[in-house]
Amino acid sequence: MNTGKAFENGFVITKDEITKAEQIDFTPHAKFKGVYLKHLVTGAMTGQQVSSHLVKVEPNCVLDNHIHENNLEIHEVIAGSAKAIVGNQEVDYLPGTIGILPAGVPHRIVASDEGVYILAKFTPALV
């Protein structure tokens, strides 16, 4: 099983409960076709300190240029591949790659023919 699928079907464990990730729906991105978000850890769970989202970008789709003005974002590429444009830099997003995106830095993800899964973490929490 690829790591992206493992996160789709894993567990979110807090001091009070265990939630099967498969019970958390993917939400289509409001702006970008072929981009889906599974909100695994929300601000409500962490006192708004951090959130964690499984981002699935389908093959050859684009999470187009955007900025998070007030959030530090960390990308962990867990399956598939993509090209990422972070600020003025273009890099390969391959499993094991970690991207650190300070607040206010524009970024864009272009998925390969196989698509890409990214675990995206935000502080403060995005949702």
N, C-alpha and C. Protein backbone atom coordinates (compact mmCIF):
# COMPACT_ATOMS: atom_id res chain seq x y z
N MET A 1 0.85 -1.18 0.00
CA MET A 1 0.00 0.00 0.00
C MET A 1 0.89 1.24 0.00
N ASN A 2 0.56 2.23 -0.85
CA ASN A 2 1.36 3.45 -0.81
C ASN A 2 1.02 4.27 0.42
N THR A 3 1.92 5.13 0.80
CA THR A 3 1.76 5.89 2.03
C THR A 3 0.56 6.82 1.97
N GLY A 4 0.24 7.37 0.80
CA GLY A 4 -0.95 8.22 0.67
C GLY A 4 -2.21 7.46 1.04
N LYS A 5 -2.33 6.25 0.52
CA LYS A 5 -3.49 5.40 0.84
C LYS A 5 -3.49 5.03 2.32
N ALA A 6 -2.31 4.82 2.90
CA ALA A 6 -2.22 4.50 4.33
C ALA A 6 -2.80 5.64 5.16
N PHE A 7 -2.50 6.89 4.80
CA PHE A 7 -3.06 8.03 5.53
C PHE A 7 -4.56 8.17 5.28
N GLU A 8 -5.02 7.82 4.08
CA GLU A 8 -6.46 7.85 3.80
C GLU A 8 -7.22 6.90 4.72
N ASN A 9 -6.57 5.80 5.09
CA ASN A 9 -7.25 4.74 5.83
C ASN A 9 -6.70 4.53 7.24
N GLY A 10 -5.85 5.44 7.71
CA GLY A 10 -5.25 5.30 9.03
C GLY A 10 -6.18 5.77 10.15
N PHE A 11 -5.58 6.26 11.21
CA PHE A 11 -6.33 6.68 12.39
C PHE A 11 -5.83 8.04 12.88
N VAL A 12 -6.73 8.81 13.47
CA VAL A 12 -6.40 10.04 14.17
C VAL A 12 -6.73 9.78 15.64
N ILE A 13 -5.71 9.87 16.49
CA ILE A 13 -5.86 9.50 17.89
C ILE A 13 -5.65 10.74 18.76
N THR A 14 -6.63 11.01 19.62
CA THR A 14 -6.50 12.07 20.61
C THR A 14 -6.62 11.42 21.99
N LYS A 15 -6.49 12.22 23.04
CA LYS A 15 -6.60 11.66 24.39
C LYS A 15 -8.00 11.15 24.68
N ASP A 16 -8.99 11.60 23.90
CA ASP A 16 -10.38 11.25 24.16
C ASP A 16 -11.01 10.29 23.15
N GLU A 17 -10.43 10.20 21.95
CA GLU A 17 -11.09 9.36 20.94
C GLU A 17 -10.13 8.91 19.86
N ILE A 18 -10.59 7.91 19.13
CA ILE A 18 -9.88 7.42 17.96
C ILE A 18 -10.85 7.52 16.79
N THR A 19 -10.40 8.18 15.71
CA THR A 19 -11.23 8.34 14.52
C THR A 19 -10.54 7.63 13.36
N LYS A 20 -11.30 6.83 12.63
CA LYS A 20 -10.77 6.22 11.42
C LYS A 20 -10.72 7.29 10.33
N ALA A 21 -9.56 7.46 9.71
CA ALA A 21 -9.41 8.48 8.68
C ALA A 21 -10.36 8.25 7.52
N GLU A 22 -10.71 7.00 7.26
CA GLU A 22 -11.64 6.72 6.15
C GLU A 22 -13.02 7.32 6.41
N GLN A 23 -13.33 7.66 7.67
CA GLN A 23 -14.61 8.29 8.01
C GLN A 23 -14.58 9.81 7.77
N ILE A 24 -13.41 10.35 7.50
CA ILE A 24 -13.26 11.77 7.21
C ILE A 24 -13.27 11.93 5.70
N ASP A 25 -14.24 12.64 5.19
CA ASP A 25 -14.37 12.79 3.74
C ASP A 25 -13.30 13.70 3.16
N PHE A 26 -12.91 13.42 1.92
CA PHE A 26 -12.13 14.37 1.14
C PHE A 26 -13.07 15.49 0.70
N THR A 27 -12.62 16.71 0.81
CA THR A 27 -13.38 17.87 0.36
C THR A 27 -12.73 18.40 -0.90
N PRO A 28 -13.49 18.58 -1.98
CA PRO A 28 -12.89 19.18 -3.18
C PRO A 28 -12.43 20.60 -2.86
N HIS A 29 -11.26 20.97 -3.37
CA HIS A 29 -10.78 22.34 -3.18
C HIS A 29 -11.75 23.30 -3.84
N ALA A 30 -12.02 24.41 -3.21
CA ALA A 30 -13.00 25.37 -3.70
C ALA A 30 -12.59 26.00 -5.03
N LYS A 31 -11.29 26.09 -5.30
CA LYS A 31 -10.83 26.79 -6.50
C LYS A 31 -10.16 25.90 -7.54
N PHE A 32 -9.57 24.79 -7.13
CA PHE A 32 -8.69 24.04 -8.03
C PHE A 32 -9.23 22.64 -8.30
N LYS A 33 -9.57 22.39 -9.58
CA LYS A 33 -10.12 21.10 -10.01
C LYS A 33 -9.08 20.00 -9.83
N GLY A 34 -9.53 18.86 -9.31
CA GLY A 34 -8.65 17.71 -9.13
C GLY A 34 -7.81 17.77 -7.87
N VAL A 35 -8.12 18.72 -6.98
CA VAL A 35 -7.40 18.85 -5.71
C VAL A 35 -8.39 18.59 -4.59
N TYR A 36 -8.01 17.70 -3.66
CA TYR A 36 -8.89 17.29 -2.58
C TYR A 36 -8.15 17.38 -1.24
N LEU A 37 -8.91 17.75 -0.19
CA LEU A 37 -8.34 17.90 1.15
C LEU A 37 -9.10 17.02 2.13
N LYS A 38 -8.35 16.30 2.95
CA LYS A 38 -8.93 15.53 4.05
C LYS A 38 -8.37 16.15 5.31
N HIS A 39 -9.23 16.83 6.09
CA HIS A 39 -8.81 17.55 7.28
C HIS A 39 -8.65 16.56 8.44
N LEU A 40 -7.44 16.05 8.60
CA LEU A 40 -7.18 15.01 9.61
C LEU A 40 -7.12 15.58 11.02
N VAL A 41 -6.43 16.70 11.19
CA VAL A 41 -6.30 17.37 12.49
C VAL A 41 -6.73 18.81 12.28
N THR A 42 -7.73 19.23 13.05
CA THR A 42 -8.25 20.59 12.90
C THR A 42 -7.86 21.46 14.09
N GLY A 43 -8.02 22.75 13.90
CA GLY A 43 -7.74 23.70 14.97
C GLY A 43 -8.57 23.44 16.21
N ALA A 44 -9.80 22.95 16.04
CA ALA A 44 -10.65 22.65 17.19
C ALA A 44 -10.02 21.57 18.08
N MET A 45 -9.19 20.72 17.47
CA MET A 45 -8.54 19.64 18.22
C MET A 45 -7.26 20.09 18.91
N THR A 46 -6.71 21.25 18.49
CA THR A 46 -5.39 21.66 18.97
C THR A 46 -5.37 23.07 19.56
N GLY A 47 -6.52 23.61 19.90
CA GLY A 47 -6.57 24.98 20.40
C GLY A 47 -6.09 25.98 19.36
N GLN A 48 -6.35 25.69 18.10
CA GLN A 48 -5.98 26.52 16.94
C GLN A 48 -4.47 26.61 16.70
N GLN A 49 -3.69 25.78 17.36
CA GLN A 49 -2.23 25.85 17.22
C GLN A 49 -1.73 25.27 15.91
N VAL A 50 -2.31 24.14 15.49
CA VAL A 50 -1.82 23.46 14.29
C VAL A 50 -2.95 22.67 13.66
N SER A 51 -2.88 22.50 12.34
CA SER A 51 -3.80 21.59 11.65
C SER A 51 -2.99 20.78 10.66
N SER A 52 -3.54 19.61 10.29
CA SER A 52 -2.85 18.70 9.38
C SER A 52 -3.87 18.17 8.37
N HIS A 53 -3.50 18.22 7.10
CA HIS A 53 -4.43 17.91 6.02
C HIS A 53 -3.76 16.98 5.02
N LEU A 54 -4.46 15.93 4.62
CA LEU A 54 -3.99 15.10 3.53
C LEU A 54 -4.47 15.75 2.25
N VAL A 55 -3.52 16.17 1.42
CA VAL A 55 -3.83 16.84 0.16
C VAL A 55 -3.58 15.84 -0.96
N LYS A 56 -4.60 15.60 -1.76
CA LYS A 56 -4.48 14.71 -2.91
C LYS A 56 -4.66 15.55 -4.17
N VAL A 57 -3.63 15.56 -5.02
CA VAL A 57 -3.73 16.25 -6.30
C VAL A 57 -3.72 15.16 -7.36
N GLU A 58 -4.82 15.07 -8.09
CA GLU A 58 -4.97 14.02 -9.08
C GLU A 58 -3.97 14.20 -10.22
N PRO A 59 -3.72 13.12 -10.98
CA PRO A 59 -2.75 13.18 -12.07
C PRO A 59 -2.97 14.38 -12.98
N ASN A 60 -1.86 15.09 -13.25
CA ASN A 60 -1.80 16.23 -14.16
C ASN A 60 -2.68 17.41 -13.76
N CYS A 61 -3.13 17.45 -12.51
CA CYS A 61 -3.90 18.59 -12.02
C CYS A 61 -2.97 19.56 -11.29
N VAL A 62 -3.47 20.76 -11.04
CA VAL A 62 -2.63 21.82 -10.48
C VAL A 62 -3.29 22.45 -9.26
N LEU A 63 -2.54 22.49 -8.17
CA LEU A 63 -2.89 23.32 -7.03
C LEU A 63 -2.22 24.65 -7.34
N ASP A 64 -2.97 25.55 -7.96
CA ASP A 64 -2.36 26.72 -8.58
C ASP A 64 -1.84 27.72 -7.56
N ASN A 65 -1.13 28.71 -8.06
CA ASN A 65 -0.44 29.70 -7.24
C ASN A 65 -1.38 30.31 -6.20
N HIS A 66 -0.94 30.26 -4.94
CA HIS A 66 -1.71 30.84 -3.84
C HIS A 66 -0.78 31.15 -2.67
N ILE A 67 -1.31 31.91 -1.73
CA ILE A 67 -0.53 32.37 -0.58
C ILE A 67 -1.37 32.18 0.68
N HIS A 68 -0.72 31.77 1.75
CA HIS A 68 -1.34 31.76 3.07
C HIS A 68 -0.69 32.90 3.85
N GLU A 69 -1.41 33.98 3.97
CA GLU A 69 -0.85 35.21 4.55
C GLU A 69 -0.43 35.06 6.01
N ASN A 70 -1.15 34.21 6.77
CA ASN A 70 -0.93 34.18 8.21
C ASN A 70 -0.50 32.82 8.75
N ASN A 71 -0.13 31.89 7.85
CA ASN A 71 0.17 30.54 8.29
C ASN A 71 1.51 30.06 7.75
N LEU A 72 2.34 29.53 8.63
CA LEU A 72 3.49 28.73 8.21
C LEU A 72 2.93 27.40 7.73
N GLU A 73 3.40 26.91 6.58
CA GLU A 73 2.92 25.64 6.03
C GLU A 73 4.11 24.72 5.82
N ILE A 74 3.95 23.48 6.20
CA ILE A 74 4.98 22.46 5.97
C ILE A 74 4.37 21.36 5.13
N HIS A 75 5.02 21.05 4.00
CA HIS A 75 4.60 19.96 3.13
C HIS A 75 5.50 18.76 3.35
N GLU A 76 4.89 17.59 3.50
CA GLU A 76 5.62 16.33 3.52
C GLU A 76 5.05 15.51 2.37
N VAL A 77 5.86 15.28 1.35
CA VAL A 77 5.41 14.49 0.20
C VAL A 77 5.47 13.02 0.61
N ILE A 78 4.30 12.35 0.56
CA ILE A 78 4.26 10.98 1.06
C ILE A 78 4.03 9.93 -0.03
N ALA A 79 3.57 10.36 -1.21
CA ALA A 79 3.38 9.42 -2.33
C ALA A 79 3.24 10.21 -3.62
N GLY A 80 3.60 9.58 -4.73
CA GLY A 80 3.47 10.23 -6.03
C GLY A 80 4.58 11.24 -6.26
N SER A 81 4.33 12.15 -7.20
CA SER A 81 5.34 13.17 -7.50
C SER A 81 4.67 14.39 -8.14
N ALA A 82 5.41 15.49 -8.11
CA ALA A 82 4.92 16.75 -8.65
C ALA A 82 6.10 17.70 -8.84
N LYS A 83 5.84 18.78 -9.52
CA LYS A 83 6.74 19.93 -9.55
C LYS A 83 6.14 20.96 -8.61
N ALA A 84 6.96 21.55 -7.77
CA ALA A 84 6.50 22.60 -6.88
C ALA A 84 7.25 23.88 -7.20
N ILE A 85 6.53 24.96 -7.22
CA ILE A 85 7.13 26.28 -7.35
C ILE A 85 6.88 26.96 -6.01
N VAL A 86 7.96 27.19 -5.29
CA VAL A 86 7.91 27.80 -3.96
C VAL A 86 8.69 29.10 -4.04
N GLY A 87 7.97 30.22 -3.95
CA GLY A 87 8.64 31.50 -4.16
C GLY A 87 9.17 31.55 -5.59
N ASN A 88 10.49 31.71 -5.75
CA ASN A 88 11.11 31.76 -7.07
C ASN A 88 11.82 30.47 -7.45
N GLN A 89 11.58 29.43 -6.70
CA GLN A 89 12.32 28.19 -6.86
C GLN A 89 11.41 27.06 -7.36
N GLU A 90 11.83 26.34 -8.41
CA GLU A 90 11.10 25.16 -8.87
C GLU A 90 11.84 23.92 -8.42
N VAL A 91 11.11 23.00 -7.77
CA VAL A 91 11.73 21.80 -7.23
C VAL A 91 10.86 20.58 -7.54
N ASP A 92 11.50 19.41 -7.55
CA ASP A 92 10.76 18.16 -7.67
C ASP A 92 10.21 17.79 -6.31
N TYR A 93 8.94 17.48 -6.26
CA TYR A 93 8.30 16.97 -5.06
C TYR A 93 8.21 15.46 -5.21
N LEU A 94 9.04 14.76 -4.45
CA LEU A 94 9.12 13.30 -4.46
C LEU A 94 8.92 12.80 -3.04
N PRO A 95 8.49 11.54 -2.86
CA PRO A 95 8.33 11.03 -1.51
C PRO A 95 9.59 11.25 -0.67
N GLY A 96 9.38 11.76 0.53
CA GLY A 96 10.49 12.08 1.42
C GLY A 96 10.90 13.54 1.39
N THR A 97 10.35 14.31 0.45
CA THR A 97 10.65 15.74 0.36
C THR A 97 9.81 16.50 1.38
N ILE A 98 10.44 17.46 2.04
CA ILE A 98 9.75 18.34 2.98
C ILE A 98 9.92 19.77 2.49
N GLY A 99 8.82 20.48 2.34
CA GLY A 99 8.86 21.88 1.94
C GLY A 99 8.41 22.75 3.09
N ILE A 100 9.17 23.79 3.38
CA ILE A 100 8.83 24.74 4.44
C ILE A 100 8.45 26.05 3.78
N LEU A 101 7.21 26.47 3.96
CA LEU A 101 6.68 27.64 3.29
C LEU A 101 6.26 28.68 4.34
N PRO A 102 7.08 29.69 4.57
CA PRO A 102 6.70 30.73 5.52
C PRO A 102 5.43 31.46 5.07
N ALA A 103 4.75 32.07 6.00
CA ALA A 103 3.56 32.85 5.68
C ALA A 103 3.91 33.87 4.60
N GLY A 104 3.00 34.04 3.65
CA GLY A 104 3.17 35.05 2.61
C GLY A 104 3.97 34.60 1.40
N VAL A 105 4.45 33.36 1.36
CA VAL A 105 5.25 32.88 0.23
C VAL A 105 4.32 32.20 -0.78
N PRO A 106 4.29 32.70 -2.03
CA PRO A 106 3.44 32.05 -3.04
C PRO A 106 3.97 30.66 -3.38
N HIS A 107 3.04 29.74 -3.65
CA HIS A 107 3.45 28.39 -4.03
C HIS A 107 2.40 27.75 -4.94
N ARG A 108 2.88 26.76 -5.70
CA ARG A 108 2.06 26.09 -6.72
C ARG A 108 2.56 24.66 -6.83
N ILE A 109 1.64 23.70 -7.01
CA ILE A 109 1.98 22.29 -7.13
C ILE A 109 1.37 21.76 -8.43
N VAL A 110 2.21 21.17 -9.28
CA VAL A 110 1.76 20.59 -10.54
C VAL A 110 2.01 19.08 -10.46
N ALA A 111 0.93 18.31 -10.35
CA ALA A 111 1.06 16.87 -10.18
C ALA A 111 1.55 16.20 -11.47
N SER A 112 2.28 15.12 -11.30
CA SER A 112 2.77 14.32 -12.42
C SER A 112 1.63 13.43 -12.94
N ASP A 113 1.98 12.53 -13.85
CA ASP A 113 1.02 11.58 -14.40
C ASP A 113 0.47 10.63 -13.33
N GLU A 114 1.18 10.49 -12.21
CA GLU A 114 0.72 9.59 -11.14
C GLU A 114 -0.02 10.33 -10.03
N GLY A 115 -0.03 11.65 -10.05
CA GLY A 115 -0.63 12.43 -8.97
C GLY A 115 0.32 12.51 -7.79
N VAL A 116 -0.13 13.18 -6.73
CA VAL A 116 0.73 13.35 -5.55
C VAL A 116 -0.14 13.44 -4.29
N TYR A 117 0.38 12.90 -3.22
CA TYR A 117 -0.19 13.06 -1.89
C TYR A 117 0.79 13.87 -1.05
N ILE A 118 0.27 14.91 -0.39
CA ILE A 118 1.08 15.75 0.49
C ILE A 118 0.38 15.83 1.84
N LEU A 119 1.14 15.64 2.90
CA LEU A 119 0.63 15.91 4.23
C LEU A 119 1.02 17.36 4.52
N ALA A 120 0.02 18.24 4.58
CA ALA A 120 0.26 19.68 4.77
C ALA A 120 -0.13 20.06 6.19
N LYS A 121 0.82 20.69 6.88
CA LYS A 121 0.60 21.11 8.27
C LYS A 121 0.68 22.62 8.33
N PHE A 122 -0.22 23.21 9.10
CA PHE A 122 -0.29 24.67 9.20
C PHE A 122 -0.23 25.09 10.66
N THR A 123 0.50 26.19 10.90
CA THR A 123 0.46 26.84 12.19
C THR A 123 0.41 28.34 11.97
N PRO A 124 -0.54 29.06 12.61
CA PRO A 124 -1.65 28.49 13.34
C PRO A 124 -2.54 27.65 12.41
N ALA A 125 -3.48 26.94 13.00
CA ALA A 125 -4.35 26.03 12.24
C ALA A 125 -5.04 26.75 11.09
N LEU A 126 -5.15 26.05 9.97
CA LEU A 126 -5.86 26.60 8.80
C LEU A 126 -7.38 26.49 8.99
N VAL A 127 -7.83 25.35 9.48
CA VAL A 127 -9.26 25.14 9.78
C VAL A 127 -9.38 24.43 11.10
